[in-house]
N, C-alpha and C. Protein backbone atom coordinates (compact mmCIF):
# COMPACT_ATOMS: atom_id res chain seq x y z
N MET A 1 53.49 115.49 -9.91
CA MET A 1 54.62 115.78 -9.04
C MET A 1 54.25 116.85 -8.03
N GLY A 2 54.69 116.65 -6.79
CA GLY A 2 54.40 117.62 -5.74
C GLY A 2 55.40 118.77 -5.75
N LYS A 3 55.02 119.87 -5.14
CA LYS A 3 55.86 121.06 -5.04
C LYS A 3 56.86 120.88 -3.90
N ILE A 4 58.08 121.29 -4.13
CA ILE A 4 59.12 121.20 -3.11
C ILE A 4 59.16 122.50 -2.31
N LYS A 5 59.10 122.38 -0.99
CA LYS A 5 59.19 123.54 -0.09
C LYS A 5 60.38 123.35 0.84
N LYS A 6 61.12 124.41 1.02
CA LYS A 6 62.24 124.34 1.96
C LYS A 6 61.69 124.26 3.37
N TYR A 7 62.17 123.31 4.13
CA TYR A 7 61.73 123.12 5.51
C TYR A 7 62.71 123.76 6.49
N HIS A 8 63.99 123.57 6.25
CA HIS A 8 65.00 124.04 7.19
C HIS A 8 66.31 124.26 6.44
N GLU A 9 67.07 125.22 6.89
CA GLU A 9 68.39 125.48 6.32
C GLU A 9 69.40 125.52 7.45
N HIS A 10 70.48 124.81 7.30
CA HIS A 10 71.52 124.76 8.32
C HIS A 10 72.84 125.17 7.67
N VAL A 11 73.47 126.20 8.20
CA VAL A 11 74.75 126.66 7.69
C VAL A 11 75.75 126.57 8.82
N SER A 12 76.92 126.02 8.54
CA SER A 12 77.95 125.98 9.57
C SER A 12 79.28 126.42 8.98
N HIS A 13 80.14 126.90 9.84
CA HIS A 13 81.44 127.42 9.43
C HIS A 13 82.49 126.90 10.41
N TYR A 14 83.72 126.89 9.96
CA TYR A 14 84.83 126.47 10.80
C TYR A 14 85.82 127.62 10.84
N ALA A 15 86.37 127.87 12.01
CA ALA A 15 87.37 128.92 12.15
C ALA A 15 88.38 128.49 13.20
N TYR A 16 89.55 129.08 13.13
CA TYR A 16 90.46 128.95 14.25
C TYR A 16 91.18 130.27 14.42
N VAL A 17 91.46 130.58 15.68
CA VAL A 17 92.10 131.83 16.05
C VAL A 17 93.33 131.48 16.85
N THR A 18 94.43 132.16 16.57
CA THR A 18 95.68 131.90 17.27
C THR A 18 95.97 133.04 18.24
N TYR A 19 96.35 132.66 19.44
CA TYR A 19 96.70 133.62 20.50
C TYR A 19 98.09 133.29 21.04
N PHE A 20 98.77 134.29 21.58
CA PHE A 20 100.00 134.08 22.34
C PHE A 20 99.79 134.61 23.75
N LYS A 21 100.34 133.90 24.72
CA LYS A 21 100.31 134.34 26.10
C LYS A 21 101.74 134.31 26.63
N ASP A 22 102.21 135.44 27.14
CA ASP A 22 103.55 135.53 27.69
C ASP A 22 103.50 135.14 29.16
N GLU A 23 104.17 134.06 29.51
CA GLU A 23 104.19 133.56 30.89
C GLU A 23 105.49 133.91 31.60
N GLY A 24 106.23 134.90 31.08
CA GLY A 24 107.48 135.30 31.71
C GLY A 24 108.66 134.58 31.08
N MET A 25 109.00 133.41 31.61
CA MET A 25 110.17 132.71 31.08
C MET A 25 109.86 131.90 29.82
N TYR A 26 108.61 131.82 29.44
CA TYR A 26 108.22 131.13 28.21
C TYR A 26 106.90 131.72 27.71
N LYS A 27 106.56 131.35 26.47
CA LYS A 27 105.30 131.80 25.86
C LYS A 27 104.48 130.59 25.46
N VAL A 28 103.17 130.78 25.46
CA VAL A 28 102.25 129.73 25.03
C VAL A 28 101.51 130.24 23.80
N LYS A 29 101.51 129.43 22.76
CA LYS A 29 100.72 129.72 21.55
C LYS A 29 99.52 128.77 21.58
N ALA A 30 98.34 129.32 21.42
CA ALA A 30 97.12 128.50 21.41
C ALA A 30 96.37 128.73 20.11
N SER A 31 96.05 127.65 19.43
CA SER A 31 95.17 127.71 18.26
C SER A 31 93.82 127.18 18.70
N VAL A 32 92.84 128.08 18.73
CA VAL A 32 91.50 127.74 19.19
C VAL A 32 90.66 127.41 17.96
N HIS A 33 90.17 126.16 17.90
CA HIS A 33 89.37 125.69 16.78
C HIS A 33 87.89 125.80 17.15
N VAL A 34 87.11 126.37 16.24
CA VAL A 34 85.73 126.70 16.55
C VAL A 34 84.80 126.24 15.43
N HIS A 35 83.69 125.65 15.83
CA HIS A 35 82.61 125.31 14.90
C HIS A 35 81.53 126.37 15.11
N ILE A 36 81.15 127.03 14.04
CA ILE A 36 80.16 128.11 14.13
C ILE A 36 78.95 127.72 13.30
N GLU A 37 77.80 127.72 13.93
CA GLU A 37 76.56 127.38 13.23
C GLU A 37 75.64 128.58 13.21
N GLU A 38 74.93 128.69 12.11
CA GLU A 38 73.94 129.74 11.97
C GLU A 38 72.57 129.11 12.10
N GLY A 39 71.82 129.57 13.09
CA GLY A 39 70.49 129.03 13.31
C GLY A 39 69.48 129.61 12.34
N SER A 40 68.30 129.04 12.35
CA SER A 40 67.25 129.50 11.43
C SER A 40 66.84 130.94 11.72
N ASP A 41 67.14 131.42 12.94
CA ASP A 41 66.82 132.80 13.29
C ASP A 41 68.01 133.73 13.02
N ASN A 42 69.02 133.24 12.27
CA ASN A 42 70.22 133.99 11.88
C ASN A 42 71.17 134.30 13.04
N ARG A 43 70.95 133.68 14.18
CA ARG A 43 71.91 133.83 15.28
C ARG A 43 73.05 132.86 15.06
N LEU A 44 74.24 133.24 15.51
CA LEU A 44 75.41 132.38 15.39
C LEU A 44 75.70 131.71 16.72
N PHE A 45 76.01 130.43 16.66
CA PHE A 45 76.36 129.65 17.84
C PHE A 45 77.80 129.19 17.69
N HIS A 46 78.64 129.54 18.65
CA HIS A 46 80.07 129.21 18.61
C HIS A 46 80.36 128.08 19.58
N GLU A 47 81.02 127.02 19.08
CA GLU A 47 81.43 125.91 19.94
C GLU A 47 82.92 125.68 19.74
N VAL A 48 83.69 125.88 20.81
CA VAL A 48 85.13 125.59 20.75
C VAL A 48 85.28 124.08 20.76
N THR A 49 85.90 123.54 19.71
CA THR A 49 86.03 122.09 19.58
C THR A 49 87.41 121.59 20.00
N ASP A 50 88.41 122.46 19.97
CA ASP A 50 89.75 122.03 20.35
C ASP A 50 90.62 123.25 20.59
N VAL A 51 91.64 123.06 21.43
CA VAL A 51 92.66 124.08 21.65
C VAL A 51 94.01 123.37 21.54
N ASP A 52 94.80 123.77 20.54
CA ASP A 52 96.14 123.20 20.37
C ASP A 52 97.14 124.14 21.02
N LEU A 53 97.97 123.59 21.90
CA LEU A 53 98.96 124.39 22.61
C LEU A 53 100.36 124.10 22.11
N GLU A 54 101.15 125.15 21.97
CA GLU A 54 102.57 125.04 21.65
C GLU A 54 103.31 125.94 22.63
N PHE A 55 104.53 125.55 22.97
CA PHE A 55 105.31 126.29 23.96
C PHE A 55 106.61 126.76 23.34
N PHE A 56 107.03 127.98 23.72
CA PHE A 56 108.22 128.61 23.17
C PHE A 56 109.10 129.14 24.30
N ILE A 57 110.37 128.85 24.22
CA ILE A 57 111.36 129.42 25.14
C ILE A 57 112.34 130.19 24.28
N ASN A 58 112.58 131.46 24.63
CA ASN A 58 113.43 132.34 23.82
C ASN A 58 112.96 132.35 22.36
N ASP A 59 111.66 132.37 22.18
CA ASP A 59 111.02 132.42 20.86
C ASP A 59 111.34 131.22 19.98
N LYS A 60 111.77 130.12 20.59
CA LYS A 60 112.01 128.88 19.85
C LYS A 60 111.01 127.84 20.32
N LYS A 61 110.36 127.19 19.36
CA LYS A 61 109.34 126.19 19.68
C LYS A 61 109.96 125.00 20.40
N CYS A 62 109.31 124.58 21.46
CA CYS A 62 109.75 123.42 22.24
C CYS A 62 108.98 122.19 21.80
N ALA A 63 109.63 121.04 21.94
CA ALA A 63 108.90 119.79 21.76
C ALA A 63 107.90 119.68 22.91
N TYR A 64 106.69 119.29 22.60
CA TYR A 64 105.64 119.21 23.61
C TYR A 64 106.07 118.32 24.78
N SER A 65 106.58 117.14 24.48
CA SER A 65 106.97 116.21 25.55
C SER A 65 108.12 116.77 26.39
N GLY A 66 109.05 117.48 25.74
CA GLY A 66 110.16 118.09 26.47
C GLY A 66 109.70 119.19 27.40
N PHE A 67 108.76 120.02 26.92
CA PHE A 67 108.24 121.09 27.77
C PHE A 67 107.47 120.51 28.95
N LYS A 68 106.69 119.49 28.66
CA LYS A 68 105.90 118.84 29.72
C LYS A 68 106.82 118.26 30.80
N GLU A 69 107.88 117.63 30.38
CA GLU A 69 108.85 117.05 31.33
C GLU A 69 109.53 118.16 32.15
N MET A 70 109.95 119.23 31.47
CA MET A 70 110.59 120.34 32.16
C MET A 70 109.64 120.99 33.16
N TYR A 71 108.39 121.18 32.76
CA TYR A 71 107.40 121.79 33.65
C TYR A 71 107.23 120.93 34.90
N GLY A 72 107.17 119.63 34.72
CA GLY A 72 107.04 118.72 35.86
C GLY A 72 108.22 118.80 36.79
N LYS A 73 109.41 118.92 36.23
CA LYS A 73 110.62 119.01 37.07
C LYS A 73 110.67 120.34 37.81
N LEU A 74 110.18 121.40 37.18
CA LEU A 74 110.21 122.73 37.82
C LEU A 74 109.11 122.91 38.86
N PHE A 75 107.92 122.44 38.56
CA PHE A 75 106.76 122.77 39.39
C PHE A 75 106.13 121.58 40.09
N GLY A 76 106.67 120.41 39.87
CA GLY A 76 106.15 119.24 40.56
C GLY A 76 105.51 118.25 39.59
N GLU A 77 105.73 116.98 39.89
CA GLU A 77 105.17 115.92 39.07
C GLU A 77 103.64 116.04 38.99
N ASN A 78 103.10 115.72 37.87
CA ASN A 78 101.65 115.71 37.62
C ASN A 78 101.00 117.09 37.69
N LYS A 79 101.77 118.17 37.73
CA LYS A 79 101.20 119.52 37.74
C LYS A 79 100.87 119.99 36.33
N PHE A 80 101.53 119.42 35.32
CA PHE A 80 101.34 119.90 33.95
C PHE A 80 99.91 119.69 33.47
N ASN A 81 99.31 118.56 33.78
CA ASN A 81 97.95 118.29 33.29
C ASN A 81 96.96 119.33 33.79
N ASN A 82 97.09 119.75 35.05
CA ASN A 82 96.22 120.80 35.59
C ASN A 82 96.49 122.13 34.90
N TYR A 83 97.77 122.43 34.70
CA TYR A 83 98.14 123.67 34.03
C TYR A 83 97.59 123.70 32.61
N GLU A 84 97.73 122.58 31.90
CA GLU A 84 97.23 122.49 30.53
C GLU A 84 95.71 122.70 30.50
N ARG A 85 94.97 122.11 31.42
CA ARG A 85 93.52 122.27 31.50
C ARG A 85 93.16 123.74 31.76
N GLU A 86 93.91 124.39 32.66
CA GLU A 86 93.68 125.81 32.93
C GLU A 86 93.90 126.65 31.68
N LEU A 87 94.94 126.32 30.90
CA LEU A 87 95.19 127.05 29.65
C LEU A 87 94.05 126.84 28.66
N TYR A 88 93.61 125.58 28.49
CA TYR A 88 92.47 125.31 27.61
C TYR A 88 91.27 126.18 27.99
N ASP A 89 90.95 126.17 29.29
CA ASP A 89 89.80 126.94 29.76
C ASP A 89 89.98 128.44 29.55
N GLU A 90 91.19 128.93 29.82
CA GLU A 90 91.47 130.36 29.68
C GLU A 90 91.36 130.81 28.22
N PHE A 91 91.95 130.04 27.31
CA PHE A 91 91.89 130.42 25.89
C PHE A 91 90.47 130.25 25.33
N THR A 92 89.75 129.24 25.78
CA THR A 92 88.35 129.06 25.36
C THR A 92 87.51 130.25 25.82
N GLU A 93 87.65 130.62 27.08
CA GLU A 93 86.90 131.75 27.62
C GLU A 93 87.25 133.03 26.89
N ASN A 94 88.53 133.23 26.59
CA ASN A 94 88.95 134.43 25.87
C ASN A 94 88.30 134.48 24.49
N TYR A 95 88.28 133.34 23.79
CA TYR A 95 87.64 133.32 22.48
C TYR A 95 86.16 133.67 22.59
N LEU A 96 85.46 133.04 23.53
CA LEU A 96 84.02 133.26 23.64
C LEU A 96 83.68 134.70 24.01
N LYS A 97 84.59 135.40 24.66
CA LYS A 97 84.38 136.82 24.96
C LYS A 97 84.68 137.70 23.76
N ASN A 98 85.50 137.20 22.83
CA ASN A 98 85.94 137.98 21.67
C ASN A 98 85.74 137.15 20.40
N LYS A 99 84.53 136.76 20.12
CA LYS A 99 84.22 135.84 19.03
C LYS A 99 84.59 136.41 17.67
N VAL A 100 84.85 135.50 16.74
CA VAL A 100 85.08 135.86 15.35
C VAL A 100 83.84 136.59 14.85
N LYS A 101 84.06 137.67 14.13
CA LYS A 101 82.95 138.45 13.57
C LYS A 101 82.61 137.92 12.19
N ILE A 102 82.03 136.75 12.16
CA ILE A 102 81.80 136.05 10.88
C ILE A 102 80.75 136.74 10.02
N LYS A 103 79.76 137.36 10.61
CA LYS A 103 78.74 138.04 9.79
C LYS A 103 79.37 139.17 8.99
N GLU A 104 80.29 139.92 9.60
CA GLU A 104 80.97 141.00 8.88
C GLU A 104 81.78 140.42 7.72
N PHE A 105 82.44 139.29 7.95
CA PHE A 105 83.21 138.64 6.91
C PHE A 105 82.31 138.23 5.74
N PHE A 106 81.18 137.61 6.03
CA PHE A 106 80.32 137.15 4.95
C PHE A 106 79.64 138.30 4.24
N ASN A 107 79.40 139.40 4.92
CA ASN A 107 78.88 140.57 4.22
C ASN A 107 79.92 141.08 3.22
N LEU A 108 81.20 141.03 3.60
CA LEU A 108 82.26 141.44 2.70
C LEU A 108 82.36 140.48 1.52
N VAL A 109 82.28 139.18 1.79
CA VAL A 109 82.39 138.18 0.73
C VAL A 109 81.26 138.35 -0.28
N ARG A 110 80.10 138.73 0.17
CA ARG A 110 78.94 138.87 -0.72
C ARG A 110 78.97 140.17 -1.51
N THR A 111 79.91 141.07 -1.20
CA THR A 111 80.03 142.34 -1.90
C THR A 111 80.70 142.10 -3.25
N PRO A 112 80.15 142.65 -4.32
CA PRO A 112 80.80 142.49 -5.63
C PRO A 112 82.24 142.99 -5.57
N ILE A 113 83.15 142.27 -6.21
CA ILE A 113 84.57 142.58 -6.12
C ILE A 113 84.88 143.98 -6.65
N ASP A 114 84.10 144.49 -7.57
CA ASP A 114 84.35 145.83 -8.11
C ASP A 114 84.15 146.91 -7.05
N ASN A 115 83.39 146.63 -6.01
CA ASN A 115 83.11 147.63 -4.99
C ASN A 115 84.11 147.61 -3.83
N ILE A 116 85.07 146.69 -3.86
CA ILE A 116 86.05 146.58 -2.77
C ILE A 116 87.24 147.45 -3.08
N THR A 117 87.63 148.26 -2.11
CA THR A 117 88.82 149.08 -2.27
C THR A 117 89.82 148.71 -1.18
N GLU A 118 91.09 148.80 -1.53
CA GLU A 118 92.12 148.51 -0.55
C GLU A 118 92.52 149.80 0.13
N SER A 119 92.87 149.67 1.41
CA SER A 119 93.32 150.87 2.12
C SER A 119 94.80 150.82 2.37
């Protein structure tokens, strides 16, 4: 029997971060879904895979289709798709500037539970 040698190790993680943006007369909640991979050189690579948007008026969640229709009536037909794309880009860019600190989390997870203190 031959000896087994490790050739490559691939570790990946999934995360999502929720943000709120106040647009004045309404708020936007964005859940940014991220795939995080750890390369063989221990660097982390973050890829935003999806951004889920929810809209709130007076802190009450709106039906997506209702908000889209209202936005079109207020700001012009077919304007919502451009606005939605701008929000996706804005929330994606915000995440990439303020990435999840996953290495700190995994260092904590690897710490024996007896050494963890609550503050």
